[in-house]
Protein backbone atom coordinates (compact mmCIF):
# COMPACT_ATOMS: atom_id res chain seq x y z
CA MET A 1 17.95 -4.77 -86.41
CA TRP A 2 20.52 -4.98 -89.17
CA SER A 3 20.03 -6.79 -92.42
CA ALA A 4 22.70 -8.72 -94.26
CA ALA A 5 22.90 -5.81 -96.72
CA ASP A 6 23.54 -3.32 -93.88
CA ILE A 7 26.31 -5.46 -92.47
CA ASN A 8 27.74 -6.04 -95.93
CA ASN A 9 27.69 -2.26 -96.58
CA ASN A 10 29.40 -1.58 -93.26
CA SER A 11 32.14 -4.05 -94.18
CA GLY A 12 32.92 -2.22 -97.42
CA GLY A 13 31.30 -4.87 -99.64
CA ASP A 14 33.68 -7.63 -98.50
CA SER A 15 31.61 -10.17 -96.57
CA ARG A 16 34.78 -11.65 -95.10
CA ALA A 17 35.54 -8.33 -93.41
CA LEU A 18 32.55 -8.81 -91.08
CA ALA A 19 33.86 -8.51 -87.53
CA PRO A 20 32.10 -10.84 -85.06
CA GLY A 21 31.81 -8.01 -82.57
CA LEU A 22 30.19 -5.62 -85.09
CA CYS A 23 26.79 -5.76 -83.41
CA VAL A 24 28.29 -5.21 -79.98
CA HIS A 25 30.41 -2.39 -81.41
CA LEU A 26 27.38 -0.67 -82.99
CA ILE A 27 25.37 -0.94 -79.78
CA SER A 28 28.35 0.33 -77.78
CA ALA A 29 28.76 3.27 -80.15
CA LYS A 30 25.08 4.26 -79.79
CA ILE A 31 25.23 4.14 -75.99
CA THR A 32 28.48 6.11 -75.89
CA GLU A 33 26.98 8.65 -78.31
CA SER A 34 23.88 9.06 -76.07
CA ALA A 35 26.01 9.47 -72.96
CA ASP A 36 28.29 11.96 -74.72
CA LEU A 37 25.25 13.97 -75.88
CA ALA A 38 24.05 14.15 -72.28
CA GLY A 39 27.52 15.38 -71.25
CA GLN A 40 27.55 17.94 -74.07
CA TYR A 41 24.10 19.13 -72.98
CA ALA A 42 25.42 19.74 -69.48
CA ILE A 43 28.49 21.61 -70.82
CA THR A 44 26.31 23.80 -73.07
CA LEU A 45 24.03 24.66 -70.16
CA ARG A 46 27.03 25.51 -67.99
CA SER A 47 28.29 28.05 -70.55
CA GLN A 48 24.89 29.77 -70.92
CA VAL A 49 23.75 30.13 -67.33
CA THR A 50 24.89 32.72 -64.83
CA PRO A 51 27.27 31.80 -62.00
CA LEU A 52 24.24 31.73 -59.73
CA ALA A 53 23.25 28.40 -61.30
CA GLN A 54 26.70 26.78 -61.12
CA ASP A 55 25.58 24.53 -58.26
CA LEU A 56 22.67 23.24 -60.30
CA LEU A 57 24.87 22.62 -63.31
CA THR A 58 27.30 20.63 -61.17
CA GLN A 59 24.41 18.44 -60.07
CA ILE A 60 23.30 18.00 -63.69
CA SER A 61 26.85 17.02 -64.68
CA GLN A 62 26.99 14.51 -61.83
CA GLU A 63 23.65 13.03 -62.91
CA ALA A 64 24.90 12.76 -66.52
CA GLU A 65 28.11 11.06 -65.36
CA LEU A 66 26.12 8.67 -63.18
CA MET A 67 23.86 7.81 -66.12
CA LYS A 68 26.93 7.20 -68.31
CA GLU A 69 28.42 4.86 -65.70
CA ARG A 70 25.17 2.93 -65.40
CA LEU A 71 24.89 2.60 -69.18
CA GLU A 72 28.47 1.38 -69.40
CA GLN A 73 27.72 -1.23 -66.73
CA ASP A 74 24.61 -2.29 -68.65
CA LEU A 75 26.63 -2.49 -71.87
CA SER A 76 29.31 -4.57 -70.17
CA THR A 77 26.66 -7.01 -68.95
CA VAL A 78 25.07 -7.29 -72.38
CA ARG A 79 28.49 -7.63 -74.02
CA GLY A 80 29.22 -10.58 -71.73
CA GLN A 81 25.90 -12.17 -72.64
CA LEU A 82 26.53 -11.70 -76.37
CA GLU A 83 30.08 -13.03 -76.42
CA PRO A 84 29.13 -16.71 -76.91
CA TYR A 85 26.93 -15.80 -79.88
CA THR A 86 29.55 -13.64 -81.58
CA GLU A 87 32.19 -16.32 -80.99
CA ASP A 88 29.87 -18.94 -82.48
CA LEU A 89 29.31 -16.74 -85.54
CA ARG A 90 33.05 -16.17 -85.90
CA VAL A 91 33.70 -19.91 -85.85
CA LYS A 92 30.98 -20.47 -88.46
CA ILE A 93 32.43 -17.79 -90.71
CA GLU A 94 35.94 -19.22 -90.45
CA GLN A 95 34.64 -22.69 -91.38
CA GLN A 96 32.93 -21.50 -94.53
CA LYS A 97 34.59 -21.07 -97.90
CA SER A 98 34.17 -17.83 -99.82
CA GLU A 99 31.27 -19.03 -102.03
CA GLU A 100 29.48 -20.78 -99.21
CA LEU A 101 29.91 -17.73 -97.01
CA LYS A 102 27.89 -15.56 -99.37
CA GLY A 103 25.03 -18.07 -99.34
CA ASN A 104 25.12 -18.75 -95.62
CA LEU A 105 25.89 -15.26 -94.37
CA GLU A 106 22.30 -14.09 -94.55
CA GLN A 107 21.12 -17.16 -92.63
CA SER A 108 23.82 -16.58 -89.99
CA VAL A 109 22.79 -12.95 -89.67
CA LYS A 110 19.14 -13.95 -89.26
CA GLU A 111 20.10 -16.46 -86.60
CA LEU A 112 22.20 -13.85 -84.83
CA GLN A 113 19.38 -11.33 -85.03
CA SER A 114 16.92 -13.78 -83.52
CA GLN A 115 19.41 -14.63 -80.77
CA LEU A 116 20.22 -10.98 -80.10
CA GLY A 117 16.62 -9.78 -80.24
CA PRO A 118 15.88 -10.14 -76.52
CA TYR A 119 19.21 -8.58 -75.56
CA THR A 120 18.87 -5.57 -77.81
CA GLU A 121 15.33 -5.01 -76.58
CA GLU A 122 16.52 -5.29 -72.99
CA LEU A 123 19.36 -2.88 -73.70
CA LYS A 124 16.99 -0.43 -75.40
CA GLU A 125 14.71 -0.55 -72.37
CA LYS A 126 17.64 0.06 -70.03
CA VAL A 127 18.84 3.02 -72.12
CA ASP A 128 15.31 4.45 -72.16
CA GLN A 129 15.04 3.91 -68.40
CA ARG A 130 18.40 5.62 -67.76
CA LEU A 131 17.40 8.57 -69.96
CA GLN A 132 14.08 8.84 -68.16
CA GLU A 133 15.84 8.76 -64.78
CA PHE A 134 18.23 11.44 -66.00
CA GLN A 135 15.35 13.64 -67.20
CA GLN A 136 13.51 13.16 -63.91
CA SER A 137 16.57 14.09 -61.89
CA VAL A 138 17.38 17.14 -64.05
CA ALA A 139 13.81 18.50 -64.36
CA PRO A 140 13.59 19.76 -60.74
CA LEU A 141 17.04 21.33 -61.09
CA ALA A 142 16.04 23.16 -64.26
CA GLU A 143 12.77 24.27 -62.67
CA SER A 144 14.63 25.51 -59.61
CA LEU A 145 17.08 27.38 -61.82
CA GLN A 146 14.24 29.00 -63.75
CA THR A 147 12.51 30.04 -60.51
CA GLN A 148 15.73 31.48 -59.06
CA LEU A 149 16.50 33.41 -62.23
CA ALA A 150 12.97 34.84 -62.30
CA GLN A 151 13.27 35.85 -58.64
CA ARG A 152 16.65 37.49 -59.24
CA ALA A 153 15.32 39.38 -62.25
CA LYS A 154 12.33 40.59 -60.24
CA MET A 155 14.56 41.65 -57.34
CA LEU A 156 16.87 43.49 -59.73
CA GLN A 157 13.94 45.26 -61.38
CA GLN A 158 12.54 46.27 -57.98
CA SER A 159 15.91 47.52 -56.78
CA LEU A 160 16.48 49.58 -59.95
CA ALA A 161 12.98 51.11 -60.10
CA PRO A 162 13.70 53.91 -57.55
CA TYR A 163 16.89 54.88 -59.41
CA ALA A 164 15.04 55.05 -62.73
CA GLU A 165 12.38 57.31 -61.20
CA ASP A 166 15.04 59.50 -59.57
CA LEU A 167 16.92 59.76 -62.87
CA ARG A 168 13.71 60.68 -64.71
CA GLU A 169 13.00 63.46 -62.19
CA LYS A 170 16.53 64.83 -62.54
CA LEU A 171 16.52 64.75 -66.34
CA ASP A 172 13.01 66.12 -66.81
CA PRO A 173 14.02 69.80 -66.30
CA TYR A 174 16.82 69.40 -68.87
CA ALA A 175 14.41 67.87 -71.35
CA GLN A 176 11.94 70.69 -70.86
CA ASP A 177 14.69 73.28 -71.32
CA LEU A 178 15.93 71.54 -74.50
CA LYS A 179 12.35 71.39 -75.82
CA SER A 180 11.93 75.11 -75.21
CA GLN A 181 15.21 75.91 -76.96
CA LEU A 182 14.30 73.76 -79.95
CA THR A 183 10.88 75.43 -80.18
CA VAL A 184 12.50 78.87 -80.21
CA LEU A 185 15.03 77.74 -82.79
CA TRP A 186 12.29 76.32 -85.00
CA GLN A 187 10.23 79.46 -84.75
CA THR A 188 13.26 81.57 -85.62
CA PHE A 189 14.00 79.38 -88.58
CA THR A 190 10.43 79.49 -89.92
CA MET A 191 10.23 83.29 -89.56
CA THR A 192 13.40 83.86 -91.52
CA SER A 193 12.36 81.54 -94.34
């Protein structure tokens, strides 16, 4: 949770600048950041994997988007539950004078923290659950991708093996001839020295 000092620091040192929706805003920012990281992860994967895996990446992107939508729904629900508390705090702040505000702000923050505690814990659990669901839905896709890539690499290696052997057989006489010529050249060079 946030302390009065954290909130005061976030408001630039002016306690009156405390926005009633600061807590909701901070929670919203963290959820959006998590969802954006999941989206960035999907984009990064898309750029690094061969076109063979494009289908899998599309599924991962869809799962990330679905998780983001669910988290936004969860955030909207929590925001609705928190609105009465933030409105109550705003009213209290408006009723206080500047000197009284400094003395009562910490108490108001403690009250808000105790009121928000269950909601933030619930939200944290929902975020963790959504991330776990996302990981569970992406894990089989990543495993499938890895298996397909390994199979393709093995097939490619098997298909190229005969060509490599054929090339070796064709080049071997040239290598032997070059070796013979170099041996003669070396012997000629050592005799003249």
